[in-house]
Amino acid sequence: MVSMAKKKRIPFTARLARWRLWIQAAFLLAWMDPWLLRMHTVCSPVFHCYSCPLATFACPIGVLAQFSALHVFPFLAVGTLLVVGALVGSFICGWVCPFGLLQDLVARIPTPKFQAPVWMTHFRFVVLAGLVVAAPYFLGEHHWLFFCSLCPAGAAESGVPRAVMSAASGDGILWPSPLKLGILLGFLVAMLFMWRPWCTLFCPLGAIFSLLSQASVFVLRFHPSRCNDCRLCNKLCHYGGRSDGRAGDLQCIRCMDCTRCGAVTFSHLFSPSEKTGKPAPQPAEPS
């Protein structure tokens, strides 16, 4: 009986992953400050519109786009992303980002979920290069292709709340632009049928962190000698990622659900390499 209990013991990281939504919600106190502390000259490392009435920090993607329109290099924003990305990579996407939390909450509605083809995930890099850097640089800040003019997070966190506030004050309803509102509604519908559609297909910040994840200090590490090919990590992964690709999968948001199998662990770059010949543990069944 003792040996069976040991075989089915769920790793701490997998137990922690069950609290991920609550941890994401707790970070809202940092990104959406009800005490109205405003530090818009400082970039956060998350995708969150600084025009939101409760936004504490500036959005790094908005800063990149605005500085590109001004033809000025955003040293503070780029430095923030490099430091955070080099430390934890896309753990930010899975555990900290408020727009990711919104998608996770909508995804809990029991509707059929579909996976996008892997090649479509590269659209994030097109958005980063085209709408965040190139379009503002060549067309300026007031063009409709300027990223913030299309951003669904800006519509959800700034446009809609401000419309409600203006209506409540008797000034009429000041809706966001039809294009921006339509993009938001489109993603809200997509959230019902796809796991994190914004993060998967279009998020420029996710594109940056996915690249930095390849060499971040804290990582998910796959141990071939512990794998018994049960494919449990594949079943637990919302993206259906391969077990042997956990350490470098560009889609991975490091939610750590896959660590339940025992062959994937939370680790860091300086951890010693595993010894070969270690027997494969029996995975715990998903609850």
C-alpha atoms as a PDB file:
ATOM      1  CA  MET A   1       0.000   0.000   0.000  1.00  0.00           C
ATOM      2  CA  VAL A   2       2.837   2.372   0.820  1.00  0.00           C
ATOM      3  CA  SER A   3       4.528   1.738  -2.499  1.00  0.00           C
ATOM      4  CA  MET A   4       1.273   2.382  -4.371  1.00  0.00           C
ATOM      5  CA  ALA A   5       0.817   5.691  -2.514  1.00  0.00           C
ATOM      6  CA  LYS A   6       4.315   6.724  -3.516  1.00  0.00           C
ATOM      7  CA  LYS A   7       3.714   5.792  -7.139  1.00  0.00           C
ATOM      8  CA  LYS A   8       0.543   7.870  -7.353  1.00  0.00           C
ATOM      9  CA  ARG A   9       1.786  10.837  -5.387  1.00  0.00           C
ATOM     10  CA  ILE A  10       1.213  14.041  -7.355  1.00  0.00           C
ATOM     11  CA  PRO A  11       4.261  16.365  -7.545  1.00  0.00           C
ATOM     12  CA  PHE A  12       4.084  19.672  -5.684  1.00  0.00           C
ATOM     13  CA  THR A  13       4.206  21.656  -8.945  1.00  0.00           C
ATOM     14  CA  ALA A  14       1.121  19.837 -10.241  1.00  0.00           C
ATOM     15  CA  ARG A  15      -0.706  20.522  -6.976  1.00  0.00           C
ATOM     16  CA  LEU A  16       0.328  24.168  -7.220  1.00  0.00           C
ATOM     17  CA  ALA A  17      -1.023  24.293 -10.780  1.00  0.00           C
ATOM     18  CA  ARG A  18      -4.509  23.638  -9.377  1.00  0.00           C
ATOM     19  CA  TRP A  19      -4.260  27.037  -7.663  1.00  0.00           C
ATOM     20  CA  ARG A  20      -3.103  28.850 -10.782  1.00  0.00           C
ATOM     21  CA  LEU A  21      -6.364  30.750 -11.341  1.00  0.00           C
ATOM     22  CA  TRP A  22      -6.252  32.050  -7.773  1.00  0.00           C
ATOM     23  CA  ILE A  23      -2.627  33.132  -8.182  1.00  0.00           C
ATOM     24  CA  GLN A  24      -3.518  34.938 -11.405  1.00  0.00           C
ATOM     25  CA  ALA A  25      -6.421  36.641  -9.618  1.00  0.00           C
ATOM     26  CA  ALA A  26      -4.123  37.707  -6.767  1.00  0.00           C
ATOM     27  CA  PHE A  27      -1.831  39.448  -9.251  1.00  0.00           C
ATOM     28  CA  LEU A  28      -4.773  41.644 -10.291  1.00  0.00           C
ATOM     29  CA  LEU A  29      -4.048  43.666  -7.155  1.00  0.00           C
ATOM     30  CA  ALA A  30      -0.730  44.601  -8.748  1.00  0.00           C
ATOM     31  CA  TRP A  31      -2.004  45.305 -12.260  1.00  0.00           C
ATOM     32  CA  MET A  32      -5.429  46.804 -11.400  1.00  0.00           C
ATOM     33  CA  ASP A  33      -4.903  48.879  -8.274  1.00  0.00           C
ATOM     34  CA  PRO A  34      -8.145  49.826  -6.493  1.00  0.00           C
ATOM     35  CA  TRP A  35      -6.199  52.366  -4.384  1.00  0.00           C
ATOM     36  CA  LEU A  36      -5.515  54.383  -7.561  1.00  0.00           C
ATOM     37  CA  LEU A  37      -1.724  54.244  -7.347  1.00  0.00           C
ATOM     38  CA  ARG A  38      -0.600  55.143 -10.850  1.00  0.00           C
ATOM     39  CA  MET A  39       2.914  54.399 -12.155  1.00  0.00           C
ATOM     40  CA  HIS A  40       2.403  54.743 -15.900  1.00  0.00           C
ATOM     41  CA  THR A  41       6.046  55.685 -16.448  1.00  0.00           C
ATOM     42  CA  VAL A  42       6.979  52.128 -15.407  1.00  0.00           C
ATOM     43  CA  CYS A  43       6.290  49.106 -17.625  1.00  0.00           C
ATOM     44  CA  SER A  44       4.722  45.969 -16.262  1.00  0.00           C
ATOM     45  CA  PRO A  45       5.735  42.646 -17.879  1.00  0.00           C
ATOM     46  CA  VAL A  46       2.118  41.736 -18.730  1.00  0.00           C
ATOM     47  CA  PHE A  47      -0.377  42.449 -21.499  1.00  0.00           C
ATOM     48  CA  HIS A  48      -2.617  45.020 -19.852  1.00  0.00           C
ATOM     49  CA  CYS A  49      -3.892  48.340 -21.250  1.00  0.00           C
ATOM     50  CA  TYR A  50      -2.527  51.336 -19.355  1.00  0.00           C
ATOM     51  CA  SER A  51      -5.640  53.303 -20.357  1.00  0.00           C
ATOM     52  CA  CYS A  52      -7.724  51.076 -18.097  1.00  0.00           C
ATOM     53  CA  PRO A  53      -9.167  53.277 -15.298  1.00  0.00           C
ATOM     54  CA  LEU A  54      -7.486  50.993 -12.729  1.00  0.00           C
ATOM     55  CA  ALA A  55      -4.207  50.289 -14.523  1.00  0.00           C
ATOM     56  CA  THR A  56      -1.166  50.644 -12.265  1.00  0.00           C
ATOM     57  CA  PHE A  57       1.623  50.360 -14.832  1.00  0.00           C
ATOM     58  CA  ALA A  58       2.189  50.968 -18.526  1.00  0.00           C
ATOM     59  CA  CYS A  59       1.696  48.181 -21.064  1.00  0.00           C
ATOM     60  CA  PRO A  60       5.047  47.140 -22.610  1.00  0.00           C
ATOM     61  CA  ILE A  61       3.494  46.484 -26.025  1.00  0.00           C
ATOM     62  CA  GLY A  62       1.782  49.875 -26.041  1.00  0.00           C
ATOM     63  CA  VAL A  63       5.086  51.515 -25.118  1.00  0.00           C
ATOM     64  CA  LEU A  64       6.933  49.659 -27.893  1.00  0.00           C
ATOM     65  CA  ALA A  65       4.339  50.784 -30.437  1.00  0.00           C
ATOM     66  CA  GLN A  66       4.290  54.408 -29.264  1.00  0.00           C
ATOM     67  CA  PHE A  67       8.073  54.688 -29.174  1.00  0.00           C
ATOM     68  CA  SER A  68       8.278  53.122 -32.624  1.00  0.00           C
ATOM     69  CA  ALA A  69       5.935  55.847 -33.907  1.00  0.00           C
ATOM     70  CA  LEU A  70       8.231  58.431 -32.302  1.00  0.00           C
ATOM     71  CA  HIS A  71      11.343  56.736 -33.756  1.00  0.00           C
ATOM     72  CA  VAL A  72      12.783  56.430 -30.252  1.00  0.00           C
ATOM     73  CA  PHE A  73      14.194  53.244 -28.741  1.00  0.00           C
ATOM     74  CA  PRO A  74      12.275  52.231 -25.559  1.00  0.00           C
ATOM     75  CA  PHE A  75      15.182  51.209 -23.347  1.00  0.00           C
ATOM     76  CA  LEU A  76      13.102  50.814 -20.162  1.00  0.00           C
ATOM     77  CA  ALA A  77      10.398  48.664 -21.769  1.00  0.00           C
ATOM     78  CA  VAL A  78      12.864  46.467 -23.646  1.00  0.00           C
ATOM     79  CA  GLY A  79      15.045  46.139 -20.543  1.00  0.00           C
ATOM     80  CA  THR A  80      12.047  45.099 -18.441  1.00  0.00           C
ATOM     81  CA  LEU A  81      11.032  42.420 -20.934  1.00  0.00           C
ATOM     82  CA  LEU A  82      14.575  41.110 -21.320  1.00  0.00           C
ATOM     83  CA  VAL A  83      15.169  40.836 -17.569  1.00  0.00           C
ATOM     84  CA  VAL A  84      11.804  39.226 -16.789  1.00  0.00           C
ATOM     85  CA  GLY A  85      11.882  37.008 -19.869  1.00  0.00           C
ATOM     86  CA  ALA A  86      15.428  35.837 -19.203  1.00  0.00           C
ATOM     87  CA  LEU A  87      14.409  34.922 -15.655  1.00  0.00           C
ATOM     88  CA  VAL A  88      11.025  33.185 -16.057  1.00  0.00           C
ATOM     89  CA  GLY A  89      10.092  33.330 -19.750  1.00  0.00           C
ATOM     90  CA  SER A  90       6.487  32.433 -20.520  1.00  0.00           C
ATOM     91  CA  PHE A  91       5.680  31.636 -16.881  1.00  0.00           C
ATOM     92  CA  ILE A  92       4.453  35.253 -17.040  1.00  0.00           C
ATOM     93  CA  CYS A  93       1.813  34.211 -19.596  1.00  0.00           C
ATOM     94  CA  GLY A  94       0.564  31.273 -17.567  1.00  0.00           C
ATOM     95  CA  TRP A  95       0.616  32.689 -14.048  1.00  0.00           C
ATOM     96  CA  VAL A  96       0.587  36.492 -14.074  1.00  0.00           C
ATOM     97  CA  CYS A  97      -1.078  37.998 -17.169  1.00  0.00           C
ATOM     98  CA  PRO A  98      -4.578  39.472 -16.544  1.00  0.00           C
ATOM     99  CA  PHE A  99      -5.739  39.011 -20.139  1.00  0.00           C
ATOM    100  CA  GLY A 100      -4.667  35.398 -19.886  1.00  0.00           C
ATOM    101  CA  LEU A 101      -6.805  35.095 -16.757  1.00  0.00           C
ATOM    102  CA  LEU A 102      -9.849  36.373 -18.667  1.00  0.00           C
ATOM    103  CA  GLN A 103      -9.320  33.712 -21.331  1.00  0.00           C
ATOM    104  CA  ASP A 104      -8.822  30.993 -18.712  1.00  0.00           C
ATOM    105  CA  LEU A 105     -12.090  31.938 -17.014  1.00  0.00           C
ATOM    106  CA  VAL A 106     -14.083  31.947 -20.259  1.00  0.00           C
ATOM    107  CA  ALA A 107     -12.497  28.604 -21.203  1.00  0.00           C
ATOM    108  CA  ARG A 108     -14.054  27.006 -18.132  1.00  0.00           C
ATOM    109  CA  ILE A 109     -17.472  27.294 -19.830  1.00  0.00           C
ATOM    110  CA  PRO A 110     -18.189  23.731 -21.034  1.00  0.00           C
ATOM    111  CA  THR A 111     -18.125  24.132 -24.805  1.00  0.00           C
ATOM    112  CA  PRO A 112     -16.280  22.080 -27.458  1.00  0.00           C
ATOM    113  CA  LYS A 113     -12.637  23.167 -27.725  1.00  0.00           C
ATOM    114  CA  PHE A 114     -10.571  23.039 -30.907  1.00  0.00           C
ATOM    115  CA  GLN A 115      -6.841  23.374 -31.476  1.00  0.00           C
ATOM    116  CA  ALA A 116      -5.416  25.702 -34.095  1.00  0.00           C
ATOM    117  CA  PRO A 117      -2.758  24.323 -36.456  1.00  0.00           C
ATOM    118  CA  VAL A 118       0.742  24.837 -35.105  1.00  0.00           C
ATOM    119  CA  TRP A 119       1.758  27.009 -38.046  1.00  0.00           C
ATOM    120  CA  MET A 120      -0.904  29.589 -37.103  1.00  0.00           C
ATOM    121  CA  THR A 121       0.906  30.296 -33.817  1.00  0.00           C
ATOM    122  CA  HIS A 122       3.558  32.142 -35.835  1.00  0.00           C
ATOM    123  CA  PHE A 123       1.045  34.944 -36.502  1.00  0.00           C
ATOM    124  CA  ARG A 124       2.155  36.337 -33.128  1.00  0.00           C
ATOM    125  CA  PHE A 125       5.523  37.224 -34.637  1.00  0.00           C
ATOM    126  CA  VAL A 126       3.800  38.846 -37.616  1.00  0.00           C
ATOM    127  CA  VAL A 127       1.735  40.999 -35.226  1.00  0.00           C
ATOM    128  CA  LEU A 128       4.867  41.921 -33.261  1.00  0.00           C
ATOM    129  CA  ALA A 129       6.905  42.867 -36.319  1.00  0.00           C
ATOM    130  CA  GLY A 130       4.075  44.377 -38.360  1.00  0.00           C
ATOM    131  CA  LEU A 131       1.578  46.061 -36.036  1.00  0.00           C
ATOM    132  CA  VAL A 132       3.796  46.847 -33.039  1.00  0.00           C
ATOM    133  CA  VAL A 133       7.014  47.898 -34.792  1.00  0.00           C
ATOM    134  CA  ALA A 134       6.702  48.465 -38.549  1.00  0.00           C
ATOM    135  CA  ALA A 135       3.227  50.038 -38.894  1.00  0.00           C
ATOM    136  CA  PRO A 136       3.767  52.645 -36.131  1.00  0.00           C
ATOM    137  CA  TYR A 137       7.261  53.416 -37.435  1.00  0.00           C
ATOM    138  CA  PHE A 138       6.142  54.085 -41.015  1.00  0.00           C
ATOM    139  CA  LEU A 139       2.502  55.170 -40.545  1.00  0.00           C
ATOM    140  CA  GLY A 140       2.511  56.925 -37.174  1.00  0.00           C
ATOM    141  CA  GLU A 141       0.393  56.613 -34.052  1.00  0.00           C
ATOM    142  CA  HIS A 142      -2.952  57.730 -35.505  1.00  0.00           C
ATOM    143  CA  HIS A 143      -3.220  55.190 -38.308  1.00  0.00           C
ATOM    144  CA  TRP A 144      -5.847  52.442 -37.987  1.00  0.00           C
ATOM    145  CA  LEU A 145      -3.063  49.827 -38.214  1.00  0.00           C
ATOM    146  CA  PHE A 146      -1.479  51.169 -35.046  1.00  0.00           C
ATOM    147  CA  PHE A 147      -1.563  48.232 -32.627  1.00  0.00           C
ATOM    148  CA  CYS A 148      -3.453  49.996 -29.826  1.00  0.00           C
ATOM    149  CA  SER A 149      -6.230  50.879 -32.275  1.00  0.00           C
ATOM    150  CA  LEU A 150      -6.897  47.151 -32.729  1.00  0.00           C
ATOM    151  CA  CYS A 151      -6.037  45.739 -29.317  1.00  0.00           C
ATOM    152  CA  PRO A 152      -8.815  43.600 -27.739  1.00  0.00           C
ATOM    153  CA  ALA A 153      -7.342  44.105 -24.269  1.00  0.00           C
ATOM    154  CA  GLY A 154      -7.620  47.857 -24.773  1.00  0.00           C
ATOM    155  CA  ALA A 155     -11.274  47.487 -25.759  1.00  0.00           C
ATOM    156  CA  ALA A 156     -12.064  45.208 -22.780  1.00  0.00           C
ATOM    157  CA  GLU A 157     -10.063  47.040 -20.115  1.00  0.00           C
ATOM    158  CA  SER A 158     -10.357  50.639 -21.262  1.00  0.00           C
ATOM    159  CA  GLY A 159     -12.982  51.169 -23.977  1.00  0.00           C
ATOM    160  CA  VAL A 160     -15.885  49.287 -22.384  1.00  0.00           C
ATOM    161  CA  PRO A 161     -15.287  50.545 -18.788  1.00  0.00           C
ATOM    162  CA  ARG A 162     -15.031  54.130 -20.007  1.00  0.00           C
ATOM    163  CA  ALA A 163     -18.242  53.713 -21.993  1.00  0.00           C
ATOM    164  CA  VAL A 164     -19.979  52.492 -18.846  1.00  0.00           C
ATOM    165  CA  MET A 165     -18.510  55.359 -16.783  1.00  0.00           C
ATOM    166  CA  SER A 166     -19.600  57.966 -19.329  1.00  0.00           C
ATOM    167  CA  ALA A 167     -23.099  56.500 -19.460  1.00  0.00           C
ATOM    168  CA  ALA A 168     -23.329  56.470 -15.652  1.00  0.00           C
ATOM    169  CA  SER A 169     -22.305  60.120 -15.485  1.00  0.00           C
ATOM    170  CA  GLY A 170     -25.026  61.087 -17.981  1.00  0.00           C
ATOM    171  CA  ASP A 171     -22.629  62.042 -20.775  1.00  0.00           C
ATOM    172  CA  GLY A 172     -23.875  59.369 -23.182  1.00  0.00           C
ATOM    173  CA  ILE A 173     -22.156  56.162 -24.212  1.00  0.00           C
ATOM    174  CA  LEU A 174     -18.712  56.605 -25.797  1.00  0.00           C
ATOM    175  CA  TRP A 175     -18.163  53.215 -27.378  1.00  0.00           C
ATOM    176  CA  PRO A 176     -14.768  52.115 -28.727  1.00  0.00           C
ATOM    177  CA  SER A 177     -14.359  52.159 -32.495  1.00  0.00           C
ATOM    178  CA  PRO A 178     -16.507  49.572 -34.306  1.00  0.00           C
ATOM    179  CA  LEU A 179     -13.368  47.789 -35.546  1.00  0.00           C
ATOM    180  CA  LYS A 180     -11.832  47.523 -32.078  1.00  0.00           C
ATOM    181  CA  LEU A 181     -15.125  46.452 -30.509  1.00  0.00           C
ATOM    182  CA  GLY A 182     -15.663  43.884 -33.252  1.00  0.00           C
ATOM    183  CA  ILE A 183     -12.221  42.381 -32.641  1.00  0.00           C
ATOM    184  CA  LEU A 184     -12.993  42.099 -28.926  1.00  0.00           C
ATOM    185  CA  LEU A 185     -16.341  40.401 -29.577  1.00  0.00           C
ATOM    186  CA  GLY A 186     -14.677  38.045 -32.045  1.00  0.00           C
ATOM    187  CA  PHE A 187     -12.117  36.965 -29.460  1.00  0.00           C
ATOM    188  CA  LEU A 188     -14.761  36.577 -26.757  1.00  0.00           C
ATOM    189  CA  VAL A 189     -16.575  34.121 -29.015  1.00  0.00           C
ATOM    190  CA  ALA A 190     -13.298  32.392 -29.930  1.00  0.00           C
ATOM    191  CA  MET A 191     -12.498  31.961 -26.217  1.00  0.00           C
ATOM    192  CA  LEU A 192     -15.489  29.644 -25.966  1.00  0.00           C
ATOM    193  CA  PHE A 193     -14.110  27.262 -28.578  1.00  0.00           C
ATOM    194  CA  MET A 194     -10.337  27.579 -28.368  1.00  0.00           C
ATOM    195  CA  TRP A 195      -7.907  27.542 -25.475  1.00  0.00           C
ATOM    196  CA  ARG A 196      -6.465  31.079 -25.154  1.00  0.00           C
ATOM    197  CA  PRO A 197      -7.001  32.179 -28.782  1.00  0.00           C
ATOM    198  CA  TRP A 198      -5.315  35.541 -28.267  1.00  0.00           C
ATOM    199  CA  CYS A 199      -2.254  34.030 -26.593  1.00  0.00           C
ATOM    200  CA  THR A 200      -2.067  31.197 -29.123  1.00  0.00           C
ATOM    201  CA  LEU A 201      -2.440  33.163 -32.331  1.00  0.00           C
ATOM    202  CA  PHE A 202      -1.804  36.891 -31.960  1.00  0.00           C
ATOM    203  CA  CYS A 203      -0.210  38.043 -28.693  1.00  0.00           C
ATOM    204  CA  PRO A 204       3.015  39.966 -29.461  1.00  0.00           C
ATOM    205  CA  LEU A 205       4.104  39.847 -25.819  1.00  0.00           C
ATOM    206  CA  GLY A 206       3.672  36.079 -25.819  1.00  0.00           C
ATOM    207  CA  ALA A 207       5.856  35.960 -28.932  1.00  0.00           C
ATOM    208  CA  ILE A 208       8.621  37.806 -27.081  1.00  0.00           C
ATOM    209  CA  PHE A 209       8.435  35.615 -23.988  1.00  0.00           C
ATOM    210  CA  SER A 210       8.268  32.410 -26.048  1.00  0.00           C
ATOM    211  CA  LEU A 211      11.622  33.310 -27.592  1.00  0.00           C
ATOM    212  CA  LEU A 212      13.175  34.305 -24.266  1.00  0.00           C
ATOM    213  CA  SER A 213      11.892  31.056 -22.746  1.00  0.00           C
ATOM    214  CA  GLN A 214      14.439  29.167 -24.827  1.00  0.00           C
ATOM    215  CA  ALA A 215      17.180  30.406 -22.501  1.00  0.00           C
ATOM    216  CA  SER A 216      15.355  31.518 -19.334  1.00  0.00           C
ATOM    217  CA  VAL A 217      16.731  30.676 -15.885  1.00  0.00           C
ATOM    218  CA  PHE A 218      13.592  28.832 -14.733  1.00  0.00           C
ATOM    219  CA  VAL A 219      12.277  26.203 -17.132  1.00  0.00           C
ATOM    220  CA  LEU A 220      10.234  23.047 -17.538  1.00  0.00           C
ATOM    221  CA  ARG A 221      12.570  20.135 -18.183  1.00  0.00           C
ATOM    222  CA  PHE A 222      11.753  16.839 -19.831  1.00  0.00           C
ATOM    223  CA  HIS A 223      13.577  13.764 -18.480  1.00  0.00           C
ATOM    224  CA  PRO A 224      13.620  10.974 -21.109  1.00  0.00           C
ATOM    225  CA  SER A 225      14.692   8.312 -18.600  1.00  0.00           C
ATOM    226  CA  ARG A 226      11.557   8.952 -16.501  1.00  0.00           C
ATOM    227  CA  CYS A 227       9.132   8.767 -19.417  1.00  0.00           C
ATOM    228  CA  ASN A 228       7.127   5.565 -19.871  1.00  0.00           C
ATOM    229  CA  ASP A 229       5.297   6.920 -22.942  1.00  0.00           C
ATOM    230  CA  CYS A 230       1.937   7.116 -21.145  1.00  0.00           C
ATOM    231  CA  ARG A 231       1.147  10.404 -22.977  1.00  0.00           C
ATOM    232  CA  LEU A 232      -0.445  11.809 -19.826  1.00  0.00           C
ATOM    233  CA  CYS A 233       1.387  15.122 -20.287  1.00  0.00           C
ATOM    234  CA  ASN A 234      -0.030  15.316 -23.810  1.00  0.00           C
ATOM    235  CA  LYS A 235      -3.563  14.798 -22.467  1.00  0.00           C
ATOM    236  CA  LEU A 236      -3.062  17.422 -19.752  1.00  0.00           C
ATOM    237  CA  CYS A 237      -1.613  20.034 -22.114  1.00  0.00           C
ATOM    238  CA  HIS A 238      -4.249  22.353 -23.572  1.00  0.00           C
ATOM    239  CA  TYR A 239      -2.038  22.776 -26.640  1.00  0.00           C
ATOM    240  CA  GLY A 240      -1.418  19.040 -27.064  1.00  0.00           C
ATOM    241  CA  GLY A 241       2.329  19.579 -26.954  1.00  0.00           C
ATOM    242  CA  ARG A 242       4.820  16.730 -27.142  1.00  0.00           C
ATOM    243  CA  SER A 243       6.449  15.599 -23.918  1.00  0.00           C
ATOM    244  CA  ASP A 244       9.938  15.801 -25.413  1.00  0.00           C
ATOM    245  CA  GLY A 245       9.273  19.388 -26.482  1.00  0.00           C
ATOM    246  CA  ARG A 246       8.246  20.807 -23.105  1.00  0.00           C
ATOM    247  CA  ALA A 247      11.514  22.634 -22.557  1.00  0.00           C
ATOM    248  CA  GLY A 248      11.287  24.606 -25.801  1.00  0.00           C
ATOM    249  CA  ASP A 249       7.727  24.548 -27.160  1.00  0.00           C
ATOM    250  CA  LEU A 250       6.883  28.061 -28.368  1.00  0.00           C
ATOM    251  CA  GLN A 251       3.203  27.594 -27.437  1.00  0.00           C
ATOM    252  CA  CYS A 252       3.921  26.575 -23.848  1.00  0.00           C
ATOM    253  CA  ILE A 253       2.689  29.016 -21.181  1.00  0.00           C
ATOM    254  CA  ARG A 254       4.263  26.878 -18.423  1.00  0.00           C
ATOM    255  CA  CYS A 255       1.036  26.235 -16.566  1.00  0.00           C
ATOM    256  CA  MET A 256       2.803  23.155 -15.088  1.00  0.00           C
ATOM    257  CA  ASP A 257      -0.187  20.835 -15.492  1.00  0.00           C
ATOM    258  CA  CYS A 258       2.099  18.454 -17.380  1.00  0.00           C
ATOM    259  CA  THR A 259       4.392  18.044 -14.352  1.00  0.00           C
ATOM    260  CA  ARG A 260       1.870  15.564 -12.933  1.00  0.00           C
ATOM    261  CA  CYS A 261       3.370  12.807 -15.083  1.00  0.00           C
ATOM    262  CA  GLY A 262       6.763  12.948 -13.336  1.00  0.00           C
ATOM    263  CA  ALA A 263       8.799  13.060 -16.547  1.00  0.00           C
ATOM    264  CA  VAL A 264       8.437  16.865 -16.782  1.00  0.00           C
ATOM    265  CA  THR A 265       9.706  18.921 -13.857  1.00  0.00           C
ATOM    266  CA  PHE A 266      10.123  22.538 -12.830  1.00  0.00           C
ATOM    267  CA  SER A 267      13.843  23.231 -12.932  1.00  0.00           C
ATOM    268  CA  HIS A 268      16.499  25.854 -13.631  1.00  0.00           C
ATOM    269  CA  LEU A 269      19.434  26.152 -15.983  1.00  0.00           C
ATOM    270  CA  PHE A 270      21.972  25.506 -13.247  1.00  0.00           C
ATOM    271  CA  SER A 271      20.480  22.239 -12.007  1.00  0.00           C
ATOM    272  CA  PRO A 272      22.747  19.190 -12.468  1.00  0.00           C
ATOM    273  CA  SER A 273      21.969  16.888 -15.349  1.00  0.00           C
ATOM    274  CA  GLU A 274      19.980  13.800 -14.442  1.00  0.00           C
ATOM    275  CA  LYS A 275      21.616  10.443 -14.108  1.00  0.00           C
ATOM    276  CA  THR A 276      20.574   7.847 -16.642  1.00  0.00           C
ATOM    277  CA  GLY A 277      18.912   4.608 -15.715  1.00  0.00           C
ATOM    278  CA  LYS A 278      16.380   6.019 -13.278  1.00  0.00           C
ATOM    279  CA  PRO A 279      13.165   3.964 -13.401  1.00  0.00           C
ATOM    280  CA  ALA A 280      10.064   5.617 -14.812  1.00  0.00           C
ATOM    281  CA  PRO A 281       7.447   6.416 -12.149  1.00  0.00           C
ATOM    282  CA  GLN A 282       3.798   5.550 -12.521  1.00  0.00           C
ATOM    283  CA  PRO A 283       1.883   8.774 -13.318  1.00  0.00           C
ATOM    284  CA  ALA A 284      -1.087  10.000 -11.334  1.00  0.00           C
ATOM    285  CA  GLU A 285      -4.322   9.947 -13.284  1.00  0.00           C
ATOM    286  CA  PRO A 286      -5.860  13.367 -14.005  1.00  0.00           C
ATOM    287  CA  SER A 287      -8.574  14.282 -11.544  1.00  0.00           C
END
